[in-house]
Amino acid sequence: MGQIKCLDTYILCEILQGNEKYFSYIKEDFVLTDVILAEFYWVILREFNEATARYWLTKLKLNSFACSLEILAKAMGNRKKLKRNLSFFDIVGYTYALEKNIPFVTGDKEFKSLPGVEFVPK
């Protein structure tokens, strides 16, 4: 069993699309923020349907954790400080991972050189 990791929507979308390169991440210990799971739910609703979105919500909800107001505020501070094109959802996940001292796994190029990131491009 490896170190627990925090996954972002990019990784979840790659898994949803059947990209085998990312399958190992949901076979290992992982966490998600509730806002990442909410964003993923939206992506599935937009691209597929509610039944598929509910399936993934049920599958992933035990790995999802609420973010405190403190983490949300720190995330907005990080978003301003980093001066990158980072989504609200992703910066919250990144900040959560930093606070928990766990890797934030993404393939989003905006995170490529940031500390605490495990960057996994396509």
PDB file of N, CA and C in Angstrom:
ATOM      1  N   MET A   1       0.848  -1.177   0.000  1.00  0.00           N
ATOM      2  CA  MET A   1       0.000   0.000   0.000  1.00  0.00           C
ATOM      3  C   MET A   1       0.892   1.240   0.000  1.00  0.00           C
ATOM      4  N   GLY A   2       0.675   2.125  -0.966  1.00  0.00           N
ATOM      5  CA  GLY A   2       1.471   3.339  -1.086  1.00  0.00           C
ATOM      6  C   GLY A   2       0.871   4.490  -0.297  1.00  0.00           C
ATOM      7  N   GLN A   3       1.493   5.631  -0.463  1.00  0.00           N
ATOM      8  CA  GLN A   3       1.029   6.844   0.206  1.00  0.00           C
ATOM      9  C   GLN A   3      -0.320   7.275  -0.373  1.00  0.00           C
ATOM     10  N   ILE A   4      -1.184   7.739   0.488  1.00  0.00           N
ATOM     11  CA  ILE A   4      -2.475   8.261   0.046  1.00  0.00           C
ATOM     12  C   ILE A   4      -2.242   9.509  -0.796  1.00  0.00           C
ATOM     13  N   LYS A   5      -3.078   9.691  -1.825  1.00  0.00           N
ATOM     14  CA  LYS A   5      -2.933  10.818  -2.735  1.00  0.00           C
ATOM     15  C   LYS A   5      -4.282  11.503  -2.918  1.00  0.00           C
ATOM     16  N   CYS A   6      -4.221  12.768  -3.259  1.00  0.00           N
ATOM     17  CA  CYS A   6      -5.426  13.550  -3.530  1.00  0.00           C
ATOM     18  C   CYS A   6      -5.548  13.694  -5.051  1.00  0.00           C
ATOM     19  N   LEU A   7      -6.636  13.184  -5.610  1.00  0.00           N
ATOM     20  CA  LEU A   7      -6.840  13.221  -7.050  1.00  0.00           C
ATOM     21  C   LEU A   7      -7.654  14.448  -7.450  1.00  0.00           C
ATOM     22  N   ASP A   8      -7.380  14.964  -8.633  1.00  0.00           N
ATOM     23  CA  ASP A   8      -8.189  16.075  -9.124  1.00  0.00           C
ATOM     24  C   ASP A   8      -9.109  15.595 -10.244  1.00  0.00           C
ATOM     25  N   THR A   9      -9.920  16.494 -10.735  1.00  0.00           N
ATOM     26  CA  THR A   9     -10.914  16.165 -11.747  1.00  0.00           C
ATOM     27  C   THR A   9     -10.261  15.650 -13.029  1.00  0.00           C
ATOM     28  N   TYR A  10      -9.115  16.183 -13.387  1.00  0.00           N
ATOM     29  CA  TYR A  10      -8.395  15.745 -14.584  1.00  0.00           C
ATOM     30  C   TYR A  10      -8.182  14.229 -14.552  1.00  0.00           C
ATOM     31  N   ILE A  11      -7.688  13.743 -13.431  1.00  0.00           N
ATOM     32  CA  ILE A  11      -7.407  12.307 -13.280  1.00  0.00           C
ATOM     33  C   ILE A  11      -8.701  11.505 -13.369  1.00  0.00           C
ATOM     34  N   LEU A  12      -9.743  11.975 -12.685  1.00  0.00           N
ATOM     35  CA  LEU A  12     -11.029  11.276 -12.702  1.00  0.00           C
ATOM     36  C   LEU A  12     -11.611  11.227 -14.112  1.00  0.00           C
ATOM     37  N   CYS A  13     -11.484  12.304 -14.855  1.00  0.00           N
ATOM     38  CA  CYS A  13     -11.994  12.343 -16.228  1.00  0.00           C
ATOM     39  C   CYS A  13     -11.231  11.370 -17.123  1.00  0.00           C
ATOM     40  N   GLU A  14      -9.945  11.262 -16.930  1.00  0.00           N
ATOM     41  CA  GLU A  14      -9.157  10.307 -17.707  1.00  0.00           C
ATOM     42  C   GLU A  14      -9.587   8.875 -17.395  1.00  0.00           C
ATOM     43  N   ILE A  15      -9.875   8.597 -16.139  1.00  0.00           N
ATOM     44  CA  ILE A  15     -10.360   7.275 -15.742  1.00  0.00           C
ATOM     45  C   ILE A  15     -11.716   7.016 -16.387  1.00  0.00           C
ATOM     46  N   LEU A  16     -12.595   7.992 -16.316  1.00  0.00           N
ATOM     47  CA  LEU A  16     -13.933   7.885 -16.909  1.00  0.00           C
ATOM     48  C   LEU A  16     -13.851   7.605 -18.406  1.00  0.00           C
ATOM     49  N   GLN A  17     -12.883   8.218 -19.075  1.00  0.00           N
ATOM     50  CA  GLN A  17     -12.725   8.039 -20.524  1.00  0.00           C
ATOM     51  C   GLN A  17     -12.001   6.741 -20.887  1.00  0.00           C
ATOM     52  N   GLY A  18     -11.618   5.974 -19.869  1.00  0.00           N
ATOM     53  CA  GLY A  18     -11.008   4.673 -20.114  1.00  0.00           C
ATOM     54  C   GLY A  18      -9.512   4.694 -20.331  1.00  0.00           C
ATOM     55  N   ASN A  19      -8.851   5.773 -19.941  1.00  0.00           N
ATOM     56  CA  ASN A  19      -7.406   5.855 -20.102  1.00  0.00           C
ATOM     57  C   ASN A  19      -6.732   4.991 -19.025  1.00  0.00           C
ATOM     58  N   GLU A  20      -6.234   3.843 -19.447  1.00  0.00           N
ATOM     59  CA  GLU A  20      -5.654   2.865 -18.522  1.00  0.00           C
ATOM     60  C   GLU A  20      -4.445   3.390 -17.766  1.00  0.00           C
ATOM     61  N   LYS A  21      -3.802   4.406 -18.294  1.00  0.00           N
ATOM     62  CA  LYS A  21      -2.633   4.991 -17.636  1.00  0.00           C
ATOM     63  C   LYS A  21      -2.979   5.491 -16.231  1.00  0.00           C
ATOM     64  N   TYR A  22      -4.241   5.808 -15.992  1.00  0.00           N
ATOM     65  CA  TYR A  22      -4.667   6.408 -14.726  1.00  0.00           C
ATOM     66  C   TYR A  22      -5.415   5.440 -13.802  1.00  0.00           C
ATOM     67  N   PHE A  23      -5.717   4.236 -14.274  1.00  0.00           N
ATOM     68  CA  PHE A  23      -6.510   3.295 -13.484  1.00  0.00           C
ATOM     69  C   PHE A  23      -5.889   2.966 -12.134  1.00  0.00           C
ATOM     70  N   SER A  24      -4.579   2.934 -12.066  1.00  0.00           N
ATOM     71  CA  SER A  24      -3.924   2.549 -10.810  1.00  0.00           C
ATOM     72  C   SER A  24      -4.265   3.515  -9.669  1.00  0.00           C
ATOM     73  N   TYR A  25      -4.592   4.757 -10.013  1.00  0.00           N
ATOM     74  CA  TYR A  25      -4.864   5.746  -8.963  1.00  0.00           C
ATOM     75  C   TYR A  25      -6.129   5.448  -8.160  1.00  0.00           C
ATOM     76  N   ILE A  26      -7.112   4.800  -8.777  1.00  0.00           N
ATOM     77  CA  ILE A  26      -8.300   4.480  -7.987  1.00  0.00           C
ATOM     78  C   ILE A  26      -8.220   3.082  -7.378  1.00  0.00           C
ATOM     79  N   LYS A  27      -7.133   2.390  -7.659  1.00  0.00           N
ATOM     80  CA  LYS A  27      -6.888   1.094  -7.013  1.00  0.00           C
ATOM     81  C   LYS A  27      -6.030   1.270  -5.767  1.00  0.00           C
ATOM     82  N   GLU A  28      -5.417   2.439  -5.626  1.00  0.00           N
ATOM     83  CA  GLU A  28      -4.596   2.764  -4.459  1.00  0.00           C
ATOM     84  C   GLU A  28      -5.415   3.608  -3.491  1.00  0.00           C
ATOM     85  N   ASP A  29      -4.812   3.971  -2.371  1.00  0.00           N
ATOM     86  CA  ASP A  29      -5.477   4.847  -1.414  1.00  0.00           C
ATOM     87  C   ASP A  29      -5.513   6.262  -1.978  1.00  0.00           C
ATOM     88  N   PHE A  30      -6.689   6.860  -2.004  1.00  0.00           N
ATOM     89  CA  PHE A  30      -6.825   8.211  -2.520  1.00  0.00           C
ATOM     90  C   PHE A  30      -7.950   8.947  -1.800  1.00  0.00           C
ATOM     91  N   VAL A  31      -7.887  10.252  -1.883  1.00  0.00           N
ATOM     92  CA  VAL A  31      -8.953  11.110  -1.374  1.00  0.00           C
ATOM     93  C   VAL A  31      -9.307  12.121  -2.450  1.00  0.00           C
ATOM     94  N   LEU A  32     -10.481  12.690  -2.289  1.00  0.00           N
ATOM     95  CA  LEU A  32     -10.977  13.776  -3.131  1.00  0.00           C
ATOM     96  C   LEU A  32     -11.576  14.818  -2.213  1.00  0.00           C
ATOM     97  N   THR A  33     -11.582  16.037  -2.649  1.00  0.00           N
ATOM     98  CA  THR A  33     -12.360  17.023  -1.903  1.00  0.00           C
ATOM     99  C   THR A  33     -13.787  16.943  -2.411  1.00  0.00           C
ATOM    100  N   ASP A  34     -14.708  17.386  -1.579  1.00  0.00           N
ATOM    101  CA  ASP A  34     -16.102  17.379  -2.007  1.00  0.00           C
ATOM    102  C   ASP A  34     -16.331  18.280  -3.216  1.00  0.00           C
ATOM    103  N   VAL A  35     -15.563  19.357  -3.335  1.00  0.00           N
ATOM    104  CA  VAL A  35     -15.741  20.230  -4.495  1.00  0.00           C
ATOM    105  C   VAL A  35     -15.206  19.581  -5.773  1.00  0.00           C
ATOM    106  N   ILE A  36     -14.148  18.798  -5.671  1.00  0.00           N
ATOM    107  CA  ILE A  36     -13.657  18.054  -6.845  1.00  0.00           C
ATOM    108  C   ILE A  36     -14.718  17.040  -7.275  1.00  0.00           C
ATOM    109  N   LEU A  37     -15.300  16.337  -6.318  1.00  0.00           N
ATOM    110  CA  LEU A  37     -16.337  15.362  -6.649  1.00  0.00           C
ATOM    111  C   LEU A  37     -17.549  16.058  -7.267  1.00  0.00           C
ATOM    112  N   ALA A  38     -17.904  17.228  -6.767  1.00  0.00           N
ATOM    113  CA  ALA A  38     -19.018  17.987  -7.337  1.00  0.00           C
ATOM    114  C   ALA A  38     -18.714  18.401  -8.777  1.00  0.00           C
ATOM    115  N   GLU A  39     -17.487  18.843  -9.026  1.00  0.00           N
ATOM    116  CA  GLU A  39     -17.119  19.223 -10.394  1.00  0.00           C
ATOM    117  C   GLU A  39     -17.163  18.001 -11.312  1.00  0.00           C
ATOM    118  N   PHE A  40     -16.664  16.882 -10.842  1.00  0.00           N
ATOM    119  CA  PHE A  40     -16.678  15.651 -11.634  1.00  0.00           C
ATOM    120  C   PHE A  40     -18.119  15.236 -11.938  1.00  0.00           C
ATOM    121  N   TYR A  41     -18.986  15.357 -10.966  1.00  0.00           N
ATOM    122  CA  TYR A  41     -20.413  15.065 -11.154  1.00  0.00           C
ATOM    123  C   TYR A  41     -20.965  15.928 -12.290  1.00  0.00           C
ATOM    124  N   TRP A  42     -20.623  17.216 -12.285  1.00  0.00           N
ATOM    125  CA  TRP A  42     -21.083  18.123 -13.335  1.00  0.00           C
ATOM    126  C   TRP A  42     -20.564  17.694 -14.706  1.00  0.00           C
ATOM    127  N   VAL A  43     -19.298  17.328 -14.781  1.00  0.00           N
ATOM    128  CA  VAL A  43     -18.717  16.883 -16.051  1.00  0.00           C
ATOM    129  C   VAL A  43     -19.483  15.676 -16.585  1.00  0.00           C
ATOM    130  N   ILE A  44     -19.782  14.737 -15.711  1.00  0.00           N
ATOM    131  CA  ILE A  44     -20.504  13.533 -16.140  1.00  0.00           C
ATOM    132  C   ILE A  44     -21.919  13.880 -16.576  1.00  0.00           C
ATOM    133  N   LEU A  45     -22.602  14.742 -15.831  1.00  0.00           N
ATOM    134  CA  LEU A  45     -23.942  15.176 -16.232  1.00  0.00           C
ATOM    135  C   LEU A  45     -23.914  15.809 -17.614  1.00  0.00           C
ATOM    136  N   ARG A  46     -22.921  16.641 -17.846  1.00  0.00           N
ATOM    137  CA  ARG A  46     -22.797  17.363 -19.109  1.00  0.00           C
ATOM    138  C   ARG A  46     -22.487  16.413 -20.268  1.00  0.00           C
ATOM    139  N   GLU A  47     -21.616  15.430 -20.024  1.00  0.00           N
ATOM    140  CA  GLU A  47     -21.141  14.549 -21.092  1.00  0.00           C
ATOM    141  C   GLU A  47     -21.960  13.261 -21.242  1.00  0.00           C
ATOM    142  N   PHE A  48     -22.619  12.825 -20.170  1.00  0.00           N
ATOM    143  CA  PHE A  48     -23.352  11.566 -20.201  1.00  0.00           C
ATOM    144  C   PHE A  48     -24.790  11.769 -19.730  1.00  0.00           C
ATOM    145  N   ASN A  49     -25.067  11.360 -18.501  1.00  0.00           N
ATOM    146  CA  ASN A  49     -26.438  11.470 -17.982  1.00  0.00           C
ATOM    147  C   ASN A  49     -26.420  11.376 -16.460  1.00  0.00           C
ATOM    148  N   GLU A  50     -27.588  11.580 -15.866  1.00  0.00           N
ATOM    149  CA  GLU A  50     -27.663  11.586 -14.404  1.00  0.00           C
ATOM    150  C   GLU A  50     -27.390  10.213 -13.802  1.00  0.00           C
ATOM    151  N   ALA A  51     -27.824   9.154 -14.463  1.00  0.00           N
ATOM    152  CA  ALA A  51     -27.579   7.807 -13.924  1.00  0.00           C
ATOM    153  C   ALA A  51     -26.071   7.529 -13.826  1.00  0.00           C
ATOM    154  N   THR A  52     -25.328   7.918 -14.837  1.00  0.00           N
ATOM    155  CA  THR A  52     -23.880   7.720 -14.817  1.00  0.00           C
ATOM    156  C   THR A  52     -23.245   8.595 -13.744  1.00  0.00           C
ATOM    157  N   ALA A  53     -23.714   9.822 -13.620  1.00  0.00           N
ATOM    158  CA  ALA A  53     -23.191  10.729 -12.593  1.00  0.00           C
ATOM    159  C   ALA A  53     -23.464  10.174 -11.199  1.00  0.00           C
ATOM    160  N   ARG A  54     -24.662   9.659 -10.972  1.00  0.00           N
ATOM    161  CA  ARG A  54     -25.007   9.089  -9.662  1.00  0.00           C
ATOM    162  C   ARG A  54     -24.158   7.849  -9.373  1.00  0.00           C
ATOM    163  N   TYR A  55     -23.899   7.034 -10.386  1.00  0.00           N
ATOM    164  CA  TYR A  55     -23.048   5.855 -10.217  1.00  0.00           C
ATOM    165  C   TYR A  55     -21.672   6.265  -9.681  1.00  0.00           C
ATOM    166  N   TRP A  56     -21.053   7.254 -10.340  1.00  0.00           N
ATOM    167  CA  TRP A  56     -19.719   7.682  -9.928  1.00  0.00           C
ATOM    168  C   TRP A  56     -19.742   8.382  -8.578  1.00  0.00           C
ATOM    169  N   LEU A  57     -20.787   9.119  -8.293  1.00  0.00           N
ATOM    170  CA  LEU A  57     -20.917   9.761  -6.988  1.00  0.00           C
ATOM    171  C   LEU A  57     -20.946   8.701  -5.890  1.00  0.00           C
ATOM    172  N   THR A  58     -21.747   7.674  -6.094  1.00  0.00           N
ATOM    173  CA  THR A  58     -21.834   6.586  -5.118  1.00  0.00           C
ATOM    174  C   THR A  58     -20.497   5.866  -4.980  1.00  0.00           C
ATOM    175  N   LYS A  59     -19.834   5.637  -6.108  1.00  0.00           N
ATOM    176  CA  LYS A  59     -18.548   4.919  -6.117  1.00  0.00           C
ATOM    177  C   LYS A  59     -17.451   5.694  -5.383  1.00  0.00           C
ATOM    178  N   LEU A  60     -17.476   7.023  -5.485  1.00  0.00           N
ATOM    179  CA  LEU A  60     -16.375   7.835  -4.961  1.00  0.00           C
ATOM    180  C   LEU A  60     -16.664   8.558  -3.647  1.00  0.00           C
ATOM    181  N   LYS A  61     -17.898   8.583  -3.204  1.00  0.00           N
ATOM    182  CA  LYS A  61     -18.243   9.428  -2.053  1.00  0.00           C
ATOM    183  C   LYS A  61     -17.531   9.042  -0.753  1.00  0.00           C
ATOM    184  N   LEU A  62     -17.164   7.802  -0.590  1.00  0.00           N
ATOM    185  CA  LEU A  62     -16.449   7.406   0.632  1.00  0.00           C
ATOM    186  C   LEU A  62     -15.018   7.939   0.660  1.00  0.00           C
ATOM    187  N   ASN A  63     -14.515   8.337  -0.497  1.00  0.00           N
ATOM    188  CA  ASN A  63     -13.172   8.914  -0.590  1.00  0.00           C
ATOM    189  C   ASN A  63     -13.200  10.442  -0.581  1.00  0.00           C
ATOM    190  N   SER A  64     -14.385  11.003  -0.465  1.00  0.00           N
ATOM    191  CA  SER A  64     -14.560  12.452  -0.554  1.00  0.00           C
ATOM    192  C   SER A  64     -14.639  13.077   0.836  1.00  0.00           C
ATOM    193  N   PHE A  65     -13.940  14.206   0.995  1.00  0.00           N
ATOM    194  CA  PHE A  65     -13.909  14.887   2.280  1.00  0.00           C
ATOM    195  C   PHE A  65     -14.270  16.354   2.111  1.00  0.00           C
ATOM    196  N   ALA A  66     -15.023  16.852   3.066  1.00  0.00           N
ATOM    197  CA  ALA A  66     -15.428  18.256   3.050  1.00  0.00           C
ATOM    198  C   ALA A  66     -14.235  19.152   3.345  1.00  0.00           C
ATOM    199  N   CYS A  67     -14.246  20.294   2.736  1.00  0.00           N
ATOM    200  CA  CYS A  67     -13.201  21.283   2.983  1.00  0.00           C
ATOM    201  C   CYS A  67     -13.730  22.321   3.962  1.00  0.00           C
ATOM    202  N   SER A  68     -12.930  22.612   4.936  1.00  0.00           N
ATOM    203  CA  SER A  68     -13.316  23.628   5.915  1.00  0.00           C
ATOM    204  C   SER A  68     -13.269  25.008   5.276  1.00  0.00           C
ATOM    205  N   LEU A  69     -13.924  25.935   5.925  1.00  0.00           N
ATOM    206  CA  LEU A  69     -13.869  27.316   5.465  1.00  0.00           C
ATOM    207  C   LEU A  69     -12.435  27.821   5.475  1.00  0.00           C
ATOM    208  N   GLU A  70     -11.646  27.366   6.423  1.00  0.00           N
ATOM    209  CA  GLU A  70     -10.230  27.748   6.501  1.00  0.00           C
ATOM    210  C   GLU A  70      -9.468  27.302   5.241  1.00  0.00           C
ATOM    211  N   ILE A  71      -9.701  26.072   4.801  1.00  0.00           N
ATOM    212  CA  ILE A  71      -9.034  25.584   3.594  1.00  0.00           C
ATOM    213  C   ILE A  71      -9.533  26.345   2.368  1.00  0.00           C
ATOM    214  N   LEU A  72     -10.824  26.610   2.309  1.00  0.00           N
ATOM    215  CA  LEU A  72     -11.359  27.378   1.180  1.00  0.00           C
ATOM    216  C   LEU A  72     -10.727  28.765   1.116  1.00  0.00           C
ATOM    217  N   ALA A  73     -10.578  29.409   2.259  1.00  0.00           N
ATOM    218  CA  ALA A  73      -9.959  30.740   2.299  1.00  0.00           C
ATOM    219  C   ALA A  73      -8.485  30.662   1.893  1.00  0.00           C
ATOM    220  N   LYS A  74      -7.766  29.657   2.398  1.00  0.00           N
ATOM    221  CA  LYS A  74      -6.363  29.487   2.014  1.00  0.00           C
ATOM    222  C   LYS A  74      -6.240  29.227   0.515  1.00  0.00           C
ATOM    223  N   ALA A  75      -7.189  28.477  -0.023  1.00  0.00           N
ATOM    224  CA  ALA A  75      -7.176  28.178  -1.454  1.00  0.00           C
ATOM    225  C   ALA A  75      -7.303  29.456  -2.277  1.00  0.00           C
ATOM    226  N   MET A  76      -8.159  30.358  -1.840  1.00  0.00           N
ATOM    227  CA  MET A  76      -8.309  31.615  -2.581  1.00  0.00           C
ATOM    228  C   MET A  76      -7.047  32.462  -2.469  1.00  0.00           C
ATOM    229  N   GLY A  77      -6.392  32.401  -1.320  1.00  0.00           N
ATOM    230  CA  GLY A  77      -5.110  33.086  -1.163  1.00  0.00           C
ATOM    231  C   GLY A  77      -4.054  32.490  -2.075  1.00  0.00           C
ATOM    232  N   ASN A  78      -4.033  31.160  -2.165  1.00  0.00           N
ATOM    233  CA  ASN A  78      -3.090  30.478  -3.062  1.00  0.00           C
ATOM    234  C   ASN A  78      -3.373  30.817  -4.515  1.00  0.00           C
ATOM    235  N   ARG A  79      -4.643  30.884  -4.852  1.00  0.00           N
ATOM    236  CA  ARG A  79      -5.025  31.210  -6.229  1.00  0.00           C
ATOM    237  C   ARG A  79      -4.493  32.584  -6.626  1.00  0.00           C
ATOM    238  N   LYS A  80      -4.615  33.538  -5.714  1.00  0.00           N
ATOM    239  CA  LYS A  80      -4.120  34.891  -5.987  1.00  0.00           C
ATOM    240  C   LYS A  80      -2.590  34.910  -6.037  1.00  0.00           C
ATOM    241  N   LYS A  81      -1.970  34.259  -5.069  1.00  0.00           N
ATOM    242  CA  LYS A  81      -0.505  34.265  -4.959  1.00  0.00           C
ATOM    243  C   LYS A  81       0.165  33.593  -6.154  1.00  0.00           C
ATOM    244  N   LEU A  82      -0.380  32.497  -6.629  1.00  0.00           N
ATOM    245  CA  LEU A  82       0.252  31.731  -7.697  1.00  0.00           C
ATOM    246  C   LEU A  82       0.116  32.389  -9.068  1.00  0.00           C
ATOM    247  N   LYS A  83      -0.883  33.232  -9.230  1.00  0.00           N
ATOM    248  CA  LYS A  83      -1.080  33.976 -10.492  1.00  0.00           C
ATOM    249  C   LYS A  83      -1.046  33.058 -11.707  1.00  0.00           C
ATOM    250  N   ARG A  84      -1.803  31.980 -11.613  1.00  0.00           N
ATOM    251  CA  ARG A  84      -1.939  31.027 -12.718  1.00  0.00           C
ATOM    252  C   ARG A  84      -3.422  30.858 -13.013  1.00  0.00           C
ATOM    253  N   ASN A  85      -3.713  30.277 -14.143  1.00  0.00           N
ATOM    254  CA  ASN A  85      -5.095  30.037 -14.538  1.00  0.00           C
ATOM    255  C   ASN A  85      -5.603  28.754 -13.874  1.00  0.00           C
ATOM    256  N   LEU A  86      -5.903  28.841 -12.583  1.00  0.00           N
ATOM    257  CA  LEU A  86      -6.337  27.682 -11.803  1.00  0.00           C
ATOM    258  C   LEU A  86      -7.823  27.796 -11.484  1.00  0.00           C
ATOM    259  N   SER A  87      -8.550  26.716 -11.703  1.00  0.00           N
ATOM    260  CA  SER A  87      -9.980  26.738 -11.385  1.00  0.00           C
ATOM    261  C   SER A  87     -10.184  26.726  -9.867  1.00  0.00           C
ATOM    262  N   PHE A  88     -11.331  27.191  -9.451  1.00  0.00           N
ATOM    263  CA  PHE A  88     -11.710  27.157  -8.037  1.00  0.00           C
ATOM    264  C   PHE A  88     -11.588  25.732  -7.501  1.00  0.00           C
ATOM    265  N   PHE A  89     -12.143  24.781  -8.231  1.00  0.00           N
ATOM    266  CA  PHE A  89     -12.163  23.389  -7.788  1.00  0.00           C
ATOM    267  C   PHE A  89     -10.750  22.838  -7.600  1.00  0.00           C
ATOM    268  N   ASP A  90      -9.904  23.092  -8.588  1.00  0.00           N
ATOM    269  CA  ASP A  90      -8.544  22.548  -8.542  1.00  0.00           C
ATOM    270  C   ASP A  90      -7.686  23.190  -7.456  1.00  0.00           C
ATOM    271  N   ILE A  91      -7.815  24.493  -7.271  1.00  0.00           N
ATOM    272  CA  ILE A  91      -6.995  25.141  -6.234  1.00  0.00           C
ATOM    273  C   ILE A  91      -7.444  24.697  -4.838  1.00  0.00           C
ATOM    274  N   VAL A  92      -8.723  24.401  -4.682  1.00  0.00           N
ATOM    275  CA  VAL A  92      -9.197  23.871  -3.391  1.00  0.00           C
ATOM    276  C   VAL A  92      -8.590  22.489  -3.164  1.00  0.00           C
ATOM    277  N   GLY A  93      -8.606  21.637  -4.180  1.00  0.00           N
ATOM    278  CA  GLY A  93      -8.004  20.305  -4.042  1.00  0.00           C
ATOM    279  C   GLY A  93      -6.523  20.383  -3.754  1.00  0.00           C
ATOM    280  N   TYR A  94      -5.841  21.264  -4.461  1.00  0.00           N
ATOM    281  CA  TYR A  94      -4.400  21.444  -4.250  1.00  0.00           C
ATOM    282  C   TYR A  94      -4.114  21.919  -2.829  1.00  0.00           C
ATOM    283  N   THR A  95      -4.856  22.890  -2.373  1.00  0.00           N
ATOM    284  CA  THR A  95      -4.654  23.426  -1.020  1.00  0.00           C
ATOM    285  C   THR A  95      -4.966  22.366   0.030  1.00  0.00           C
ATOM    286  N   TYR A  96      -6.028  21.600  -0.175  1.00  0.00           N
ATOM    287  CA  TYR A  96      -6.372  20.506   0.738  1.00  0.00           C
ATOM    288  C   TYR A  96      -5.197  19.529   0.833  1.00  0.00           C
ATOM    289  N   ALA A  97      -4.633  19.154  -0.324  1.00  0.00           N
ATOM    290  CA  ALA A  97      -3.503  18.220  -0.334  1.00  0.00           C
ATOM    291  C   ALA A  97      -2.296  18.806   0.392  1.00  0.00           C
ATOM    292  N   LEU A  98      -2.024  20.082   0.167  1.00  0.00           N
ATOM    293  CA  LEU A  98      -0.912  20.720   0.877  1.00  0.00           C
ATOM    294  C   LEU A  98      -1.130  20.683   2.390  1.00  0.00           C
ATOM    295  N   GLU A  99      -2.344  20.995   2.808  1.00  0.00           N
ATOM    296  CA  GLU A  99      -2.662  21.007   4.241  1.00  0.00           C
ATOM    297  C   GLU A  99      -2.536  19.624   4.868  1.00  0.00           C
ATOM    298  N   LYS A 100      -2.854  18.587   4.097  1.00  0.00           N
ATOM    299  CA  LYS A 100      -2.780  17.210   4.600  1.00  0.00           C
ATOM    300  C   LYS A 100      -1.411  16.581   4.345  1.00  0.00           C
ATOM    301  N   ASN A 101      -0.531  17.337   3.675  1.00  0.00           N
ATOM    302  CA  ASN A 101       0.818  16.873   3.366  1.00  0.00           C
ATOM    303  C   ASN A 101       0.811  15.585   2.540  1.00  0.00           C
ATOM    304  N   ILE A 102      -0.046  15.576   1.514  1.00  0.00           N
ATOM    305  CA  ILE A 102      -0.135  14.442   0.597  1.00  0.00           C
ATOM    306  C   ILE A 102       0.001  14.965  -0.837  1.00  0.00           C
ATOM    307  N   PRO A 103       0.441  14.114  -1.764  1.00  0.00           N
ATOM    308  CA  PRO A 103       0.574  14.564  -3.150  1.00  0.00           C
ATOM    309  C   PRO A 103      -0.777  14.888  -3.785  1.00  0.00           C
ATOM    310  N   PHE A 104      -0.793  15.929  -4.594  1.00  0.00           N
ATOM    311  CA  PHE A 104      -1.947  16.293  -5.409  1.00  0.00           C
ATOM    312  C   PHE A 104      -1.659  15.778  -6.809  1.00  0.00           C
ATOM    313  N   VAL A 105      -2.477  14.832  -7.277  1.00  0.00           N
ATOM    314  CA  VAL A 105      -2.228  14.181  -8.559  1.00  0.00           C
ATOM    315  C   VAL A 105      -3.075  14.835  -9.637  1.00  0.00           C
ATOM    316  N   THR A 106      -2.401  15.322 -10.679  1.00  0.00           N
ATOM    317  CA  THR A 106      -3.081  15.996 -11.774  1.00  0.00           C
ATOM    318  C   THR A 106      -2.276  15.888 -13.061  1.00  0.00           C
ATOM    319  N   GLY A 107      -2.935  16.139 -14.145  1.00  0.00           N
ATOM    320  CA  GLY A 107      -2.279  16.270 -15.435  1.00  0.00           C
ATOM    321  C   GLY A 107      -2.452  17.666 -15.985  1.00  0.00           C
ATOM    322  N   ASP A 108      -3.023  18.538 -15.174  1.00  0.00           N
ATOM    323  CA  ASP A 108      -3.251  19.930 -15.559  1.00  0.00           C
ATOM    324  C   ASP A 108      -1.923  20.672 -15.611  1.00  0.00           C
ATOM    325  N   LYS A 109      -1.580  21.181 -16.783  1.00  0.00           N
ATOM    326  CA  LYS A 109      -0.273  21.834 -16.988  1.00  0.00           C
ATOM    327  C   LYS A 109      -0.047  23.020 -16.066  1.00  0.00           C
ATOM    328  N   GLU A 110      -1.098  23.650 -15.579  1.00  0.00           N
ATOM    329  CA  GLU A 110      -0.954  24.805 -14.683  1.00  0.00           C
ATOM    330  C   GLU A 110      -0.297  24.413 -13.360  1.00  0.00           C
ATOM    331  N   PHE A 111      -0.353  23.142 -13.005  1.00  0.00           N
ATOM    332  CA  PHE A 111       0.202  22.664 -11.737  1.00  0.00           C
ATOM    333  C   PHE A 111       1.582  22.025 -11.890  1.00  0.00           C
ATOM    334  N   LYS A 112       2.053  21.891 -13.111  1.00  0.00           N
ATOM    335  CA  LYS A 112       3.236  21.080 -13.415  1.00  0.00           C
ATOM    336  C   LYS A 112       4.437  21.338 -12.509  1.00  0.00           C
ATOM    337  N   SER A 113       4.768  22.553 -12.243  1.00  0.00           N
ATOM    338  CA  SER A 113       5.995  22.840 -11.491  1.00  0.00           C
ATOM    339  C   SER A 113       5.757  23.211 -10.028  1.00  0.00           C
ATOM    340  N   LEU A 114       4.553  23.030  -9.542  1.00  0.00           N
ATOM    341  CA  LEU A 114       4.250  23.429  -8.154  1.00  0.00           C
ATOM    342  C   LEU A 114       4.683  22.354  -7.160  1.00  0.00           C
ATOM    343  N   PRO A 115       5.098  22.779  -5.979  1.00  0.00           N
ATOM    344  CA  PRO A 115       5.476  21.797  -4.950  1.00  0.00           C
ATOM    345  C   PRO A 115       4.267  20.987  -4.510  1.00  0.00           C
ATOM    346  N   GLY A 116       4.501  19.724  -4.207  1.00  0.00           N
ATOM    347  CA  GLY A 116       3.436  18.861  -3.708  1.00  0.00           C
ATOM    348  C   GLY A 116       2.577  18.242  -4.800  1.00  0.00           C
ATOM    349  N   VAL A 117       2.970  18.443  -6.063  1.00  0.00           N
ATOM    350  CA  VAL A 117       2.183  17.941  -7.190  1.00  0.00           C
ATOM    351  C   VAL A 117       2.857  16.722  -7.797  1.00  0.00           C
ATOM    352  N   GLU A 118       2.053  15.696  -8.029  1.00  0.00           N
ATOM    353  CA  GLU A 118       2.479  14.546  -8.833  1.00  0.00           C
ATOM    354  C   GLU A 118       1.842  14.765 -10.204  1.00  0.00           C
ATOM    355  N   PHE A 119       2.644  15.235 -11.142  1.00  0.00           N
ATOM    356  CA  PHE A 119       2.150  15.588 -12.465  1.00  0.00           C
ATOM    357  C   PHE A 119       2.169  14.372 -13.379  1.00  0.00           C
ATOM    358  N   VAL A 120       0.995  14.032 -13.940  1.00  0.00           N
ATOM    359  CA  VAL A 120       0.870  12.855 -14.797  1.00  0.00           C
ATOM    360  C   VAL A 120       0.183  13.279 -16.097  1.00  0.00           C
ATOM    361  N   PRO A 121       0.966  13.650 -17.106  1.00  0.00           N
ATOM    362  CA  PRO A 121       0.362  14.074 -18.367  1.00  0.00           C
ATOM    363  C   PRO A 121      -0.177  12.883 -19.164  1.00  0.00           C
ATOM    364  N   LYS A 122      -1.005  13.195 -20.167  1.00  0.00           N
ATOM    365  CA  LYS A 122      -1.574  12.121 -21.014  1.00  0.00           C
ATOM    366  C   LYS A 122      -0.520  11.317 -21.670  1.00  0.00           C
TER     367      LYS A 122
END
